Amino acid sequence: MLQSKLMRLLGASALALAATTAFAQTAKPTELKVGISTFMTGPASVFGLPAKAAAEMLIEDINAKGGIGGVKVVPSFIDEGVGSDRLLSEYRRLVQEQGVRVMLASISSGSCNTLAPVAEDLKVVNIMYDCAAQKILEDRRYKYVVRSHANTTAEHLSSVLYLLRTKPNFKTIAVVNQDYAHGRDSWEMFITALKTFKPDVQVVAELFPKFGATDFSTEVSRLQALKPDVVLSTSWGGDLDTFIRQASQRGLMRNSTFMLSLGESSLERLGTTLPEGVIIGARGDHYFLHPQFKDDPKFQAFVKRFKDKTGKYPIYPVFHMAQALAALQTGYEIALKKNNGAWPTDAQLAEALHGSESAGLTNKVKIREDGQGMEWQLWGVTKKSPNYNFMVLDKMVMYPPELVTAPVGQNSLTWVKTLKPTIVNDPSIVSFPVTK
């Protein structure tokens, strides 16, 4: 009899423990803690800080409308400029000590390479909101890690297509890229695509100055001697600004056509340093004078608010932040619906993000089953405008994500080599009227 009573007590205890565990997994929190990594110091802060400002604005808007699923969003920011070791330490601290269950990280591909496997080990949902290296999601399938924007493949295949469209007869090219994951990977993708369509092109220089370099005199001198038809740079932030200023001061931009894959973020900062005719990428379809949305009241209102708050026009990290937060909201909406209104577990949120579709400030982005975001790509060339004291974009063209992104399960570099030259003028490409 004593044994029977003991068994009943143990059974009751087990049921109570199970109920407590289930409640802990589904109880609605008093606040949703979201960690956000961005560059707040160093040369990359020129767009890391706009991303932070955007997050603050957008989260304020979300909370004003009742939060996510009725829960207030509380952000915690960590500085990506402190180096990978300290960034990783801060990342772990937020998750393990501060109770953060969603991370938006990061800007640098190097940071994402470091943090993605850690997020998976910690079982914390991580939305990569700005880093682009395609290998992160191609070399490994993640459960808790997704990307809410395009990858290197889409960015640089579209850049090749635009270059061949606007300057088809060039013969020589040189590259000046930052010496780290993004700089190396983006050049590999670009030249693989270019050689697929234009195998006779001659690469006259491959220059990889260190990340954060402040003196580009060696690179500029080399390019002045070689006189390539095209100079490509997928560099970004303060590095790109410094390189362009030094190249312009020495007249290099008069001799070669420059192609800046991330140049949209530098237009306002560089002012009239940029000449007309520079090919500019927007890392998605991100531009404060977006040809589809510039007259949309909601879009105009955000641009004005951001300009009033920061003194600057929004640049692509701002749009990427909007996409990440839109994806997060949509993920929770899907998970809450599937969970009959009960607060979802981290695993349920992660599952809901895969296959979701949401819109930030411009066109919708779908996150595929492999976690990769599908995003339109906008390109244009610089042109003077009487309305601004910096160059604006003209001859704009947009490339659909399905055209420029490798299918699920395929290696991007291998896939690009199978493409045919007819893709340059594919009917799905959208061109916009020349600015008058």
Protein backbone atom coordinates (compact mmCIF):
# COMPACT_ATOMS: atom_id res chain seq x y z
CA MET A 1 0.00 0.00 0.00
CA LEU A 2 2.88 2.32 0.85
CA GLN A 3 4.40 1.56 -2.55
CA SER A 4 1.08 2.37 -4.29
CA LYS A 5 0.83 5.69 -2.47
CA LEU A 6 4.42 6.52 -3.37
CA MET A 7 3.68 5.76 -7.01
CA ARG A 8 0.67 8.09 -6.95
CA LEU A 9 2.75 10.88 -5.42
CA LEU A 10 5.49 10.43 -8.02
CA GLY A 11 2.90 10.45 -10.79
CA ALA A 12 1.35 13.66 -9.47
CA SER A 13 4.78 15.28 -9.23
CA ALA A 14 5.57 14.31 -12.81
CA LEU A 15 2.30 15.81 -14.02
CA ALA A 16 2.94 19.01 -12.10
CA LEU A 17 6.46 19.27 -13.54
CA ALA A 18 5.14 18.68 -17.06
CA ALA A 19 2.50 21.37 -16.59
CA THR A 20 5.07 23.82 -15.25
CA THR A 21 7.40 23.12 -18.19
CA ALA A 22 4.60 23.55 -20.73
CA PHE A 23 3.56 26.81 -19.08
CA ALA A 24 7.13 28.11 -19.15
CA GLN A 25 7.30 27.42 -22.87
CA THR A 26 4.00 29.06 -23.82
CA ALA A 27 3.34 31.78 -21.23
CA LYS A 28 3.24 35.24 -22.82
CA PRO A 29 6.26 37.25 -21.60
CA THR A 30 5.89 40.71 -20.11
CA GLU A 31 8.34 41.99 -22.74
CA LEU A 32 10.07 40.65 -25.82
CA LYS A 33 13.80 41.18 -25.50
CA VAL A 34 15.52 41.58 -28.86
CA GLY A 35 19.30 41.84 -29.21
CA ILE A 36 20.69 43.85 -32.13
CA SER A 37 24.31 43.98 -33.22
CA THR A 38 25.48 46.90 -35.35
CA PHE A 39 28.61 48.96 -35.82
CA MET A 40 28.45 51.83 -33.35
CA THR A 41 32.18 52.65 -33.51
CA GLY A 42 34.85 52.54 -36.20
CA PRO A 43 34.65 53.33 -39.93
CA ALA A 44 31.65 51.04 -40.47
CA SER A 45 29.57 53.08 -38.01
CA VAL A 46 28.65 55.41 -40.88
CA PHE A 47 25.88 52.98 -41.64
CA GLY A 48 25.82 50.97 -38.44
CA LEU A 49 24.45 53.99 -36.59
CA PRO A 50 21.72 54.63 -39.20
CA ALA A 51 20.68 50.99 -38.76
CA LYS A 52 20.46 51.56 -34.99
CA ALA A 53 18.44 54.74 -35.46
CA ALA A 54 16.06 52.87 -37.77
CA ALA A 55 15.63 50.08 -35.23
CA GLU A 56 14.77 52.59 -32.51
CA MET A 57 12.22 54.34 -34.75
CA LEU A 58 10.60 51.17 -36.03
CA ILE A 59 10.42 49.48 -32.63
CA GLU A 60 8.83 52.63 -31.21
CA ASP A 61 6.20 52.35 -33.96
CA ILE A 62 5.64 48.65 -33.23
CA ASN A 63 5.16 49.32 -29.53
CA ALA A 64 2.81 52.24 -30.21
CA LYS A 65 0.56 49.76 -32.01
CA GLY A 66 0.57 47.25 -29.15
CA GLY A 67 3.90 45.50 -29.66
CA ILE A 68 4.25 42.05 -31.18
CA GLY A 69 1.37 39.77 -30.20
CA GLY A 70 0.51 42.29 -27.50
CA VAL A 71 4.04 42.23 -26.04
CA LYS A 72 6.29 45.28 -25.87
CA VAL A 73 9.58 44.95 -27.76
CA VAL A 74 12.67 45.95 -25.78
CA PRO A 75 15.91 46.22 -27.77
CA SER A 76 19.46 45.78 -26.50
CA PHE A 77 22.29 46.93 -28.77
CA ILE A 78 25.81 45.55 -28.94
CA ASP A 79 28.69 47.13 -30.84
CA GLU A 80 29.95 45.05 -33.73
CA GLY A 81 33.00 47.28 -33.96
CA VAL A 82 34.64 45.86 -30.81
CA GLY A 83 36.05 42.79 -32.59
CA SER A 84 34.84 39.23 -33.03
CA ASP A 85 35.91 37.87 -29.61
CA ARG A 86 34.19 40.58 -27.61
CA LEU A 87 31.17 40.55 -29.94
CA LEU A 88 30.75 36.84 -29.33
CA SER A 89 31.07 37.37 -25.59
CA GLU A 90 28.42 40.11 -25.63
CA TYR A 91 26.16 37.97 -27.80
CA ARG A 92 26.33 35.09 -25.33
CA ARG A 93 25.77 37.46 -22.41
CA LEU A 94 22.54 38.82 -23.89
CA VAL A 95 21.18 35.35 -24.56
CA GLN A 96 22.40 33.46 -21.51
CA GLU A 97 22.28 36.19 -18.84
CA GLN A 98 19.81 38.81 -20.07
CA GLY A 99 17.14 36.45 -21.38
CA VAL A 100 17.19 37.69 -24.97
CA ARG A 101 15.43 35.15 -27.21
CA VAL A 102 15.69 36.88 -30.60
CA MET A 103 18.84 38.33 -32.13
CA LEU A 104 19.17 40.54 -35.19
CA ALA A 105 22.80 39.97 -36.18
CA SER A 106 24.81 41.06 -38.00
CA ILE A 107 26.17 43.57 -40.53
CA SER A 108 29.56 42.03 -41.30
CA SER A 109 29.74 38.64 -43.02
CA GLY A 110 32.67 37.83 -40.77
CA SER A 111 30.45 38.40 -37.74
CA CYS A 112 27.66 36.26 -39.19
CA ASN A 113 30.09 33.44 -39.92
CA THR A 114 31.04 33.52 -36.24
CA LEU A 115 27.58 33.99 -34.72
CA ALA A 116 25.36 31.73 -36.84
CA PRO A 117 26.64 28.39 -35.44
CA VAL A 118 26.59 29.87 -31.93
CA ALA A 119 22.94 30.88 -32.34
CA GLU A 120 22.14 27.35 -33.44
CA ASP A 121 23.92 25.88 -30.41
CA LEU A 122 22.11 28.29 -28.06
CA LYS A 123 18.79 27.61 -29.84
CA VAL A 124 18.13 31.34 -30.12
CA VAL A 125 16.37 32.74 -33.21
CA ASN A 126 18.86 34.82 -35.19
CA ILE A 127 17.77 36.97 -38.15
CA MET A 128 20.81 37.96 -40.21
CA TYR A 129 19.68 41.40 -41.31
CA ASP A 130 22.59 42.71 -43.38
CA CYS A 131 25.47 40.24 -43.95
CA ALA A 132 25.48 38.72 -47.44
CA ALA A 133 27.97 35.83 -47.74
CA GLN A 134 26.06 33.08 -49.55
CA LYS A 135 28.20 30.30 -48.07
CA ILE A 136 26.69 30.77 -44.60
CA LEU A 137 23.40 29.19 -45.64
CA GLU A 138 24.74 27.03 -48.47
CA ASP A 139 27.37 25.17 -46.48
CA ARG A 140 25.01 24.34 -43.60
CA ARG A 141 21.26 24.15 -43.03
CA TYR A 142 20.15 26.01 -39.89
CA LYS A 143 16.99 25.71 -37.83
CA TYR A 144 17.25 28.93 -35.84
CA VAL A 145 19.13 31.17 -38.32
CA VAL A 146 17.54 32.93 -41.31
CA ARG A 147 18.43 35.89 -43.52
CA SER A 148 15.86 38.61 -44.27
CA HIS A 149 17.58 39.95 -47.39
CA ALA A 150 19.54 38.78 -50.41
CA ASN A 151 22.95 37.15 -50.48
CA THR A 152 26.16 37.77 -52.41
CA THR A 153 24.92 35.75 -55.36
CA ALA A 154 21.94 38.00 -56.04
CA GLU A 155 23.90 41.19 -55.45
CA HIS A 156 26.81 40.38 -57.73
CA LEU A 157 25.12 38.39 -60.44
CA SER A 158 22.79 41.36 -60.90
CA SER A 159 25.82 43.68 -60.93
CA VAL A 160 27.36 41.71 -63.79
CA LEU A 161 24.08 41.78 -65.71
CA TYR A 162 23.81 45.55 -65.27
CA LEU A 163 27.44 46.12 -66.28
CA LEU A 164 26.99 44.07 -69.45
CA ARG A 165 23.82 46.02 -70.19
CA THR A 166 25.37 49.48 -69.76
CA LYS A 167 28.98 48.93 -70.89
CA PRO A 168 29.07 45.73 -72.97
CA ASN A 169 32.33 46.38 -74.83
CA PHE A 170 34.78 46.81 -71.96
CA LYS A 171 37.88 44.63 -72.11
CA THR A 172 39.75 45.03 -68.79
CA ILE A 173 38.72 45.13 -65.15
CA ALA A 174 40.36 45.55 -61.74
CA VAL A 175 38.99 45.05 -58.24
CA VAL A 176 39.69 46.86 -54.95
CA ASN A 177 37.98 45.00 -52.09
CA GLN A 178 38.36 44.76 -48.33
CA ASP A 179 40.44 41.77 -47.30
CA TYR A 180 37.94 39.65 -45.39
CA ALA A 181 35.04 37.25 -46.06
CA HIS A 182 32.74 39.64 -47.90
CA GLY A 183 35.50 41.18 -50.04
CA ARG A 184 36.89 37.83 -51.13
CA ASP A 185 33.56 36.04 -51.57
CA SER A 186 31.91 38.84 -53.51
CA TRP A 187 34.83 39.08 -55.93
CA GLU A 188 34.78 35.31 -56.46
CA MET A 189 31.06 35.47 -57.25
CA PHE A 190 31.40 38.51 -59.51
CA ILE A 191 34.28 37.23 -61.60
CA THR A 192 32.75 33.75 -61.90
CA ALA A 193 29.57 35.30 -63.31
CA LEU A 194 31.46 37.73 -65.53
CA LYS A 195 33.68 35.00 -67.01
CA THR A 196 30.56 32.91 -67.69
CA PHE A 197 29.14 35.62 -69.96
CA LYS A 198 32.34 37.35 -71.09
CA PRO A 199 35.18 34.82 -70.98
CA ASP A 200 37.65 37.05 -72.82
CA VAL A 201 37.64 39.82 -70.19
CA GLN A 202 41.10 40.51 -68.74
CA VAL A 203 41.58 40.97 -65.00
CA VAL A 204 44.50 43.38 -64.66
CA ALA A 205 44.60 43.73 -60.86
CA GLU A 206 43.14 42.08 -57.76
CA LEU A 207 43.78 44.40 -54.82
CA PHE A 208 42.67 43.57 -51.27
CA PRO A 209 43.63 46.30 -48.77
CA LYS A 210 43.06 45.44 -45.12
CA PHE A 211 39.68 46.09 -43.53
CA GLY A 212 39.67 49.60 -42.05
CA ALA A 213 42.52 50.88 -44.24
CA THR A 214 42.99 54.66 -44.36
CA ASP A 215 45.63 54.95 -47.09
CA PHE A 216 44.90 53.72 -50.62
CA SER A 217 47.79 55.45 -52.36
CA THR A 218 49.35 52.13 -53.41
CA GLU A 219 46.12 50.88 -54.94
CA VAL A 220 45.42 54.20 -56.68
CA SER A 221 48.94 54.35 -58.15
CA ARG A 222 48.64 50.81 -59.44
CA LEU A 223 45.32 51.51 -61.12
CA GLN A 224 46.60 54.73 -62.66
CA ALA A 225 49.39 52.77 -64.32
CA LEU A 226 47.13 49.94 -65.51
CA LYS A 227 44.19 52.10 -66.70
CA PRO A 228 41.50 49.36 -66.53
CA ASP A 229 38.24 50.01 -68.36
CA VAL A 230 36.29 49.12 -65.20
CA VAL A 231 37.21 49.34 -61.52
CA LEU A 232 34.96 47.28 -59.24
CA SER A 233 34.71 47.72 -55.50
CA THR A 234 32.28 45.91 -53.22
CA SER A 235 33.78 47.69 -50.19
CA TRP A 236 31.52 49.62 -47.84
CA GLY A 237 31.38 52.18 -45.06
CA GLY A 238 34.32 54.40 -44.21
CA ASP A 239 36.69 52.20 -46.24
CA LEU A 240 34.77 52.86 -49.45
CA ASP A 241 34.40 56.58 -48.73
CA THR A 242 38.13 56.99 -48.14
CA PHE A 243 39.09 55.00 -51.24
CA ILE A 244 36.76 57.03 -53.49
CA ARG A 245 37.95 60.37 -52.10
CA GLN A 246 41.60 59.47 -52.67
CA ALA A 247 40.88 58.04 -56.13
CA SER A 248 38.95 61.17 -57.10
CA GLN A 249 41.63 63.55 -55.80
CA ARG A 250 44.21 61.89 -58.05
CA GLY A 251 41.99 61.85 -61.12
CA LEU A 252 41.59 58.09 -61.29
CA MET A 253 37.84 58.29 -61.82
CA ARG A 254 38.31 60.17 -65.08
CA ASN A 255 40.10 57.24 -66.68
CA SER A 256 37.98 54.25 -65.64
CA THR A 257 34.31 53.44 -65.12
CA PHE A 258 33.81 52.77 -61.42
CA MET A 259 31.31 50.19 -60.23
CA LEU A 260 30.41 50.37 -56.53
CA SER A 261 28.20 47.49 -55.47
CA LEU A 262 27.37 49.05 -52.11
CA GLY A 263 27.65 52.63 -53.31
CA GLU A 264 24.07 53.67 -52.46
CA SER A 265 25.07 54.02 -48.82
CA SER A 266 27.84 56.49 -49.70
CA LEU A 267 26.04 58.83 -52.11
CA GLU A 268 25.12 61.51 -49.58
CA ARG A 269 28.40 61.32 -47.66
CA LEU A 270 30.54 61.62 -50.80
CA GLY A 271 28.59 64.55 -52.20
CA THR A 272 30.08 65.82 -55.46
CA THR A 273 33.23 63.75 -55.03
CA LEU A 274 31.52 61.15 -57.19
CA PRO A 275 31.36 62.06 -60.89
CA GLU A 276 28.43 61.24 -63.13
CA GLY A 277 28.32 57.80 -64.70
CA VAL A 278 29.45 55.73 -61.69
CA ILE A 279 27.54 52.43 -61.51
CA ILE A 280 25.86 52.09 -58.12
CA GLY A 281 24.24 49.12 -56.36
CA ALA A 282 21.65 49.42 -53.60
CA ARG A 283 22.06 46.00 -51.89
CA GLY A 284 18.48 45.11 -52.61
CA ASP A 285 15.91 47.61 -53.86
CA HIS A 286 16.86 50.23 -51.28
CA TYR A 287 16.92 53.88 -52.23
CA PHE A 288 15.24 56.92 -50.71
CA LEU A 289 14.11 57.92 -54.22
CA HIS A 290 12.92 54.41 -55.05
CA PRO A 291 11.29 54.53 -58.52
CA GLN A 292 8.30 52.49 -57.33
CA PHE A 293 7.77 53.92 -53.85
CA LYS A 294 9.08 57.51 -53.86
CA ASP A 295 5.52 58.88 -54.22
CA ASP A 296 3.96 56.46 -51.73
CA PRO A 297 2.72 58.41 -48.65
CA LYS A 298 3.93 55.79 -46.14
CA PHE A 299 7.35 55.66 -47.77
CA GLN A 300 7.61 59.45 -47.95
CA ALA A 301 6.60 59.78 -44.32
CA PHE A 302 9.31 57.41 -43.14
CA VAL A 303 12.00 59.11 -45.25
CA LYS A 304 11.02 62.48 -43.78
CA ARG A 305 10.93 61.18 -40.20
CA PHE A 306 14.33 59.54 -40.59
CA LYS A 307 15.80 62.71 -42.14
CA ASP A 308 14.35 64.82 -39.31
CA LYS A 309 15.73 62.42 -36.68
CA THR A 310 19.23 61.88 -38.06
CA GLY A 311 19.85 64.73 -40.49
CA LYS A 312 20.48 62.20 -43.27
CA TYR A 313 18.45 60.30 -45.83
CA PRO A 314 17.93 56.57 -45.14
CA ILE A 315 20.44 54.18 -46.70
CA TYR A 316 20.31 50.43 -47.29
CA PRO A 317 21.11 49.28 -43.69
CA VAL A 318 18.02 51.23 -42.64
CA PHE A 319 15.89 49.34 -45.16
CA HIS A 320 17.47 46.04 -44.14
CA MET A 321 16.60 46.74 -40.50
CA ALA A 322 13.01 47.41 -41.54
CA GLN A 323 12.92 44.08 -43.38
CA ALA A 324 14.27 42.16 -40.39
CA LEU A 325 11.72 43.65 -38.01
CA ALA A 326 8.92 43.05 -40.52
CA ALA A 327 10.03 39.42 -40.81
CA LEU A 328 10.08 39.10 -37.02
CA GLN A 329 6.54 40.47 -36.74
CA THR A 330 5.30 38.16 -39.48
CA GLY A 331 7.04 35.17 -37.93
CA TYR A 332 5.29 35.75 -34.62
CA GLU A 333 1.94 36.27 -36.35
CA ILE A 334 2.28 32.94 -38.14
CA ALA A 335 3.49 31.11 -35.03
CA LEU A 336 0.74 32.57 -32.82
CA LYS A 337 -1.90 31.54 -35.32
CA LYS A 338 -0.52 28.00 -35.58
CA ASN A 339 -0.34 27.86 -31.79
CA ASN A 340 -3.99 28.89 -31.36
CA GLY A 341 -2.98 32.21 -29.85
CA ALA A 342 -0.58 30.78 -27.27
CA TRP A 343 2.87 32.36 -27.12
CA PRO A 344 5.19 30.30 -29.36
CA THR A 345 8.39 28.60 -28.34
CA ASP A 346 11.67 29.63 -29.96
CA ALA A 347 11.50 26.54 -32.14
CA GLN A 348 7.98 27.43 -33.30
CA LEU A 349 9.07 30.97 -34.17
CA ALA A 350 12.05 29.65 -36.10
CA GLU A 351 9.81 27.28 -38.04
CA ALA A 352 7.37 30.09 -38.84
CA LEU A 353 10.11 32.32 -40.24
CA HIS A 354 11.03 29.69 -42.85
CA GLY A 355 8.67 30.18 -45.77
CA SER A 356 7.33 33.51 -44.48
CA GLU A 357 6.83 36.62 -46.63
CA SER A 358 6.84 40.20 -45.39
CA ALA A 359 7.47 43.76 -46.52
CA GLY A 360 9.60 46.38 -44.84
CA LEU A 361 9.65 49.72 -46.65
CA THR A 362 9.92 48.50 -50.25
CA ASN A 363 9.10 45.22 -52.03
CA LYS A 364 8.21 42.02 -50.20
CA VAL A 365 10.92 39.59 -49.15
CA LYS A 366 10.26 35.86 -48.89
CA ILE A 367 12.41 33.72 -46.64
CA ARG A 368 12.83 30.34 -48.31
CA GLU A 369 12.83 26.96 -46.62
CA ASP A 370 16.64 27.10 -46.48
CA GLY A 371 16.49 30.40 -44.57
CA GLN A 372 17.61 32.57 -47.51
CA GLY A 373 15.79 35.84 -48.15
CA MET A 374 14.63 36.58 -51.71
CA GLU A 375 15.07 40.27 -52.50
CA TRP A 376 14.90 42.46 -55.63
CA GLN A 377 18.14 44.17 -56.72
CA LEU A 378 18.24 47.80 -57.88
CA TRP A 379 21.06 49.32 -59.94
CA GLY A 380 21.65 52.73 -61.50
CA VAL A 381 24.29 55.27 -62.51
CA THR A 382 25.11 58.58 -60.83
CA LYS A 383 23.66 61.81 -62.15
CA LYS A 384 23.63 65.40 -60.92
CA SER A 385 20.36 66.75 -59.57
CA PRO A 386 19.33 70.37 -58.90
CA ASN A 387 17.43 69.15 -55.84
CA TYR A 388 20.34 67.58 -53.94
CA ASN A 389 23.96 68.44 -53.21
CA PHE A 390 25.01 64.87 -53.98
CA MET A 391 24.59 62.46 -56.87
CA VAL A 392 21.29 60.66 -57.42
CA LEU A 393 20.59 57.52 -59.45
CA ASP A 394 19.52 57.39 -63.08
CA LYS A 395 18.93 54.62 -65.64
CA MET A 396 17.62 52.43 -62.84
CA VAL A 397 17.00 48.72 -63.40
CA MET A 398 15.60 46.11 -60.99
CA TYR A 399 16.34 42.38 -61.08
CA PRO A 400 13.85 39.86 -59.60
CA PRO A 401 15.23 37.56 -56.90
CA GLU A 402 14.31 34.33 -58.70
CA LEU A 403 16.46 35.37 -61.67
CA VAL A 404 19.64 36.09 -59.70
CA THR A 405 19.52 33.65 -56.75
CA ALA A 406 20.64 30.02 -56.88
CA PRO A 407 17.77 27.55 -56.25
CA VAL A 408 17.47 25.83 -52.88
CA GLY A 409 20.13 23.16 -52.42
CA GLN A 410 22.40 24.38 -55.22
CA ASN A 411 25.88 25.84 -54.85
CA SER A 412 25.86 29.41 -56.15
CA LEU A 413 29.21 29.30 -57.93
CA THR A 414 28.32 26.05 -59.67
CA TRP A 415 24.86 27.33 -60.60
CA VAL A 416 26.10 30.63 -62.04
CA LYS A 417 28.37 28.75 -64.47
CA THR A 418 25.29 27.10 -66.04
CA LEU A 419 23.58 30.39 -66.95
CA LYS A 420 23.16 31.51 -70.55
CA PRO A 421 23.91 34.98 -72.00
CA THR A 422 20.20 35.51 -72.71
CA ILE A 423 19.72 36.23 -69.01
CA VAL A 424 21.17 39.72 -69.61
CA ASN A 425 17.93 40.76 -71.31
CA ASP A 426 15.50 38.48 -69.48
CA PRO A 427 11.92 39.82 -69.76
CA SER A 428 11.45 39.72 -65.97
CA ILE A 429 13.97 42.55 -65.55
CA VAL A 430 12.28 45.90 -64.82
CA SER A 431 13.68 49.13 -66.32
CA PHE A 432 12.62 52.62 -65.30
CA PRO A 433 12.46 55.81 -67.39
CA VAL A 434 15.55 57.99 -67.52
CA THR A 435 15.35 60.84 -65.01
CA LYS A 436 14.71 64.24 -66.59
